[in-house]
């Protein structure tokens, strides 16, 4: 996340993305999970 430089660690960015993903409807989470090979 170059725009934030050293303001956010990689862990913080991943936490933010995980939070955003948690707000998605269950069906969308499942589709995204299959596409990225990550379990929900």
PDB file of N, CA and C in Angstrom:
ATOM      1  N   UNK A   1       0.846  -1.173   0.000  1.00  0.00           N
ATOM      2  CA  UNK A   1       0.000   0.000   0.000  1.00  0.00           C
ATOM      3  C   UNK A   1       0.896   1.242   0.000  1.00  0.00           C
ATOM      4  N   UNK A   2       1.508   1.542  -1.126  1.00  0.00           N
ATOM      5  CA  UNK A   2       2.494   2.615  -1.212  1.00  0.00           C
ATOM      6  C   UNK A   2       1.999   3.983  -0.762  1.00  0.00           C
ATOM      7  N   UNK A   3       0.735   4.294  -0.977  1.00  0.00           N
ATOM      8  CA  UNK A   3       0.236   5.626  -0.623  1.00  0.00           C
ATOM      9  C   UNK A   3       0.339   5.910   0.875  1.00  0.00           C
ATOM     10  N   UNK A   4       0.350   4.873   1.677  1.00  0.00           N
ATOM     11  CA  UNK A   4       0.434   5.050   3.114  1.00  0.00           C
ATOM     12  C   UNK A   4       1.849   4.868   3.644  1.00  0.00           C
ATOM     13  N   UNK A   5       2.763   4.484   2.775  1.00  0.00           N
ATOM     14  CA  UNK A   5       4.159   4.357   3.168  1.00  0.00           C
ATOM     15  C   UNK A   5       4.335   3.571   4.449  1.00  0.00           C
ATOM     16  N   UNK A   6       4.956   4.182   5.439  1.00  0.00           N
ATOM     17  CA  UNK A   6       5.222   3.516   6.708  1.00  0.00           C
ATOM     18  C   UNK A   6       4.128   3.725   7.747  1.00  0.00           C
ATOM     19  N   UNK A   7       3.004   4.319   7.353  1.00  0.00           N
ATOM     20  CA  UNK A   7       1.933   4.579   8.318  1.00  0.00           C
ATOM     21  C   UNK A   7       1.207   3.314   8.747  1.00  0.00           C
ATOM     22  N   UNK A   8       1.071   2.379   7.830  1.00  0.00           N
ATOM     23  CA  UNK A   8       0.382   1.130   8.139  1.00  0.00           C
ATOM     24  C   UNK A   8       1.317  -0.045   7.874  1.00  0.00           C
ATOM     25  N   UNK A   9       1.387  -0.947   8.826  1.00  0.00           N
ATOM     26  CA  UNK A   9       2.186  -2.151   8.616  1.00  0.00           C
ATOM     27  C   UNK A   9       1.410  -3.096   7.691  1.00  0.00           C
ATOM     28  N   UNK A  10       2.091  -4.085   7.160  1.00  0.00           N
ATOM     29  CA  UNK A  10       1.422  -5.068   6.318  1.00  0.00           C
ATOM     30  C   UNK A  10       0.331  -5.782   7.121  1.00  0.00           C
ATOM     31  N   UNK A  11       0.607  -6.052   8.391  1.00  0.00           N
ATOM     32  CA  UNK A  11      -0.380  -6.702   9.258  1.00  0.00           C
ATOM     33  C   UNK A  11      -1.624  -5.836   9.420  1.00  0.00           C
ATOM     34  N   UNK A  12      -1.444  -4.531   9.588  1.00  0.00           N
ATOM     35  CA  UNK A  12      -2.583  -3.619   9.726  1.00  0.00           C
ATOM     36  C   UNK A  12      -3.417  -3.592   8.452  1.00  0.00           C
ATOM     37  N   UNK A  13      -2.760  -3.572   7.313  1.00  0.00           N
ATOM     38  CA  UNK A  13      -3.473  -3.575   6.033  1.00  0.00           C
ATOM     39  C   UNK A  13      -4.284  -4.862   5.902  1.00  0.00           C
ATOM     40  N   UNK A  14      -3.679  -5.991   6.241  1.00  0.00           N
ATOM     41  CA  UNK A  14      -4.389  -7.271   6.158  1.00  0.00           C
ATOM     42  C   UNK A  14      -5.574  -7.312   7.122  1.00  0.00           C
ATOM     43  N   UNK A  15      -5.419  -6.733   8.303  1.00  0.00           N
ATOM     44  CA  UNK A  15      -6.529  -6.659   9.264  1.00  0.00           C
ATOM     45  C   UNK A  15      -7.680  -5.828   8.709  1.00  0.00           C
ATOM     46  N   UNK A  16      -7.358  -4.724   8.070  1.00  0.00           N
ATOM     47  CA  UNK A  16      -8.387  -3.861   7.479  1.00  0.00           C
ATOM     48  C   UNK A  16      -9.122  -4.604   6.373  1.00  0.00           C
ATOM     49  N   UNK A  17      -8.368  -5.289   5.525  1.00  0.00           N
ATOM     50  CA  UNK A  17      -8.998  -6.047   4.444  1.00  0.00           C
ATOM     51  C   UNK A  17      -9.866  -7.178   4.982  1.00  0.00           C
ATOM     52  N   UNK A  18      -9.417  -7.816   6.039  1.00  0.00           N
ATOM     53  CA  UNK A  18     -10.216  -8.874   6.665  1.00  0.00           C
ATOM     54  C   UNK A  18     -11.515  -8.313   7.222  1.00  0.00           C
ATOM     55  N   UNK A  19     -11.450  -7.140   7.834  1.00  0.00           N
ATOM     56  CA  UNK A  19     -12.665  -6.507   8.350  1.00  0.00           C
ATOM     57  C   UNK A  19     -13.630  -6.195   7.206  1.00  0.00           C
ATOM     58  N   UNK A  20     -13.121  -5.600   6.144  1.00  0.00           N
ATOM     59  CA  UNK A  20     -13.977  -5.256   5.001  1.00  0.00           C
ATOM     60  C   UNK A  20     -14.628  -6.516   4.442  1.00  0.00           C
ATOM     61  N   UNK A  21     -13.835  -7.556   4.280  1.00  0.00           N
ATOM     62  CA  UNK A  21     -14.357  -8.817   3.754  1.00  0.00           C
ATOM     63  C   UNK A  21     -15.447  -9.383   4.676  1.00  0.00           C
ATOM     64  N   UNK A  22     -15.320  -9.176   5.963  1.00  0.00           N
ATOM     65  CA  UNK A  22     -16.311  -9.710   6.909  1.00  0.00           C
ATOM     66  C   UNK A  22     -17.674  -9.034   6.767  1.00  0.00           C
ATOM     67  N   UNK A  23     -17.725  -7.880   6.129  1.00  0.00           N
ATOM     68  CA  UNK A  23     -18.998  -7.179   5.937  1.00  0.00           C
ATOM     69  C   UNK A  23     -19.725  -7.642   4.686  1.00  0.00           C
ATOM     70  N   UNK A  24     -19.068  -8.444   3.859  1.00  0.00           N
ATOM     71  CA  UNK A  24     -19.685  -8.942   2.628  1.00  0.00           C
ATOM     72  C   UNK A  24     -20.736  -9.995   2.960  1.00  0.00           C
ATOM     73  N   UNK A  25     -21.767 -10.109   2.115  1.00  0.00           N
ATOM     74  CA  UNK A  25     -22.734 -11.200   2.294  1.00  0.00           C
ATOM     75  C   UNK A  25     -22.016 -12.559   2.224  1.00  0.00           C
ATOM     76  N   UNK A  26     -22.544 -13.535   2.912  1.00  0.00           N
ATOM     77  CA  UNK A  26     -21.929 -14.864   2.995  1.00  0.00           C
ATOM     78  C   UNK A  26     -21.644 -15.459   1.606  1.00  0.00           C
ATOM     79  N   UNK A  27     -22.580 -15.301   0.680  1.00  0.00           N
ATOM     80  CA  UNK A  27     -22.400 -15.866  -0.662  1.00  0.00           C
ATOM     81  C   UNK A  27     -21.178 -15.248  -1.350  1.00  0.00           C
ATOM     82  N   UNK A  28     -21.000 -13.960  -1.186  1.00  0.00           N
ATOM     83  CA  UNK A  28     -19.867 -13.260  -1.794  1.00  0.00           C
ATOM     84  C   UNK A  28     -18.559 -13.729  -1.152  1.00  0.00           C
ATOM     85  N   UNK A  29     -18.566 -13.908   0.162  1.00  0.00           N
ATOM     86  CA  UNK A  29     -17.377 -14.411   0.854  1.00  0.00           C
ATOM     87  C   UNK A  29     -16.992 -15.785   0.321  1.00  0.00           C
ATOM     88  N   UNK A  30     -17.988 -16.639   0.096  1.00  0.00           N
ATOM     89  CA  UNK A  30     -17.710 -17.984  -0.408  1.00  0.00           C
ATOM     90  C   UNK A  30     -17.132 -17.949  -1.816  1.00  0.00           C
ATOM     91  N   UNK A  31     -17.686 -17.105  -2.683  1.00  0.00           N
ATOM     92  CA  UNK A  31     -17.171 -16.986  -4.052  1.00  0.00           C
ATOM     93  C   UNK A  31     -15.736 -16.475  -4.020  1.00  0.00           C
ATOM     94  N   UNK A  32     -15.490 -15.451  -3.228  1.00  0.00           N
ATOM     95  CA  UNK A  32     -14.146 -14.890  -3.142  1.00  0.00           C
ATOM     96  C   UNK A  32     -13.174 -15.922  -2.582  1.00  0.00           C
ATOM     97  N   UNK A  33     -13.625 -16.691  -1.614  1.00  0.00           N
ATOM     98  CA  UNK A  33     -12.791 -17.718  -1.003  1.00  0.00           C
ATOM     99  C   UNK A  33     -12.366 -18.755  -2.040  1.00  0.00           C
ATOM    100  N   UNK A  34     -13.310 -19.171  -2.865  1.00  0.00           N
ATOM    101  CA  UNK A  34     -12.991 -20.155  -3.904  1.00  0.00           C
ATOM    102  C   UNK A  34     -12.041 -19.569  -4.938  1.00  0.00           C
ATOM    103  N   UNK A  35     -12.209 -18.319  -5.256  1.00  0.00           N
ATOM    104  CA  UNK A  35     -11.341 -17.683  -6.253  1.00  0.00           C
ATOM    105  C   UNK A  35      -9.929 -17.499  -5.761  1.00  0.00           C
ATOM    106  N   UNK A  36      -9.764 -17.236  -4.476  1.00  0.00           N
ATOM    107  CA  UNK A  36      -8.417 -16.976  -3.943  1.00  0.00           C
ATOM    108  C   UNK A  36      -7.847 -18.178  -3.200  1.00  0.00           C
ATOM    109  N   UNK A  37      -8.623 -19.269  -3.137  1.00  0.00           N
ATOM    110  CA  UNK A  37      -8.179 -20.499  -2.464  1.00  0.00           C
ATOM    111  C   UNK A  37      -7.893 -20.258  -0.981  1.00  0.00           C
ATOM    112  N   UNK A  38      -8.675 -19.362  -0.367  1.00  0.00           N
ATOM    113  CA  UNK A  38      -8.550 -19.067   1.052  1.00  0.00           C
ATOM    114  C   UNK A  38      -9.839 -19.521   1.720  1.00  0.00           C
ATOM    115  N   UNK A  39      -9.730 -20.213   2.846  1.00  0.00           N
ATOM    116  CA  UNK A  39     -10.941 -20.643   3.542  1.00  0.00           C
ATOM    117  C   UNK A  39     -11.558 -19.499   4.321  1.00  0.00           C
ATOM    118  N   UNK A  40     -12.864 -19.518   4.394  1.00  0.00           N
ATOM    119  CA  UNK A  40     -13.608 -18.479   5.133  1.00  0.00           C
ATOM    120  C   UNK A  40     -13.829 -18.935   6.543  1.00  0.00           C
TER     121      UNK A  40
END
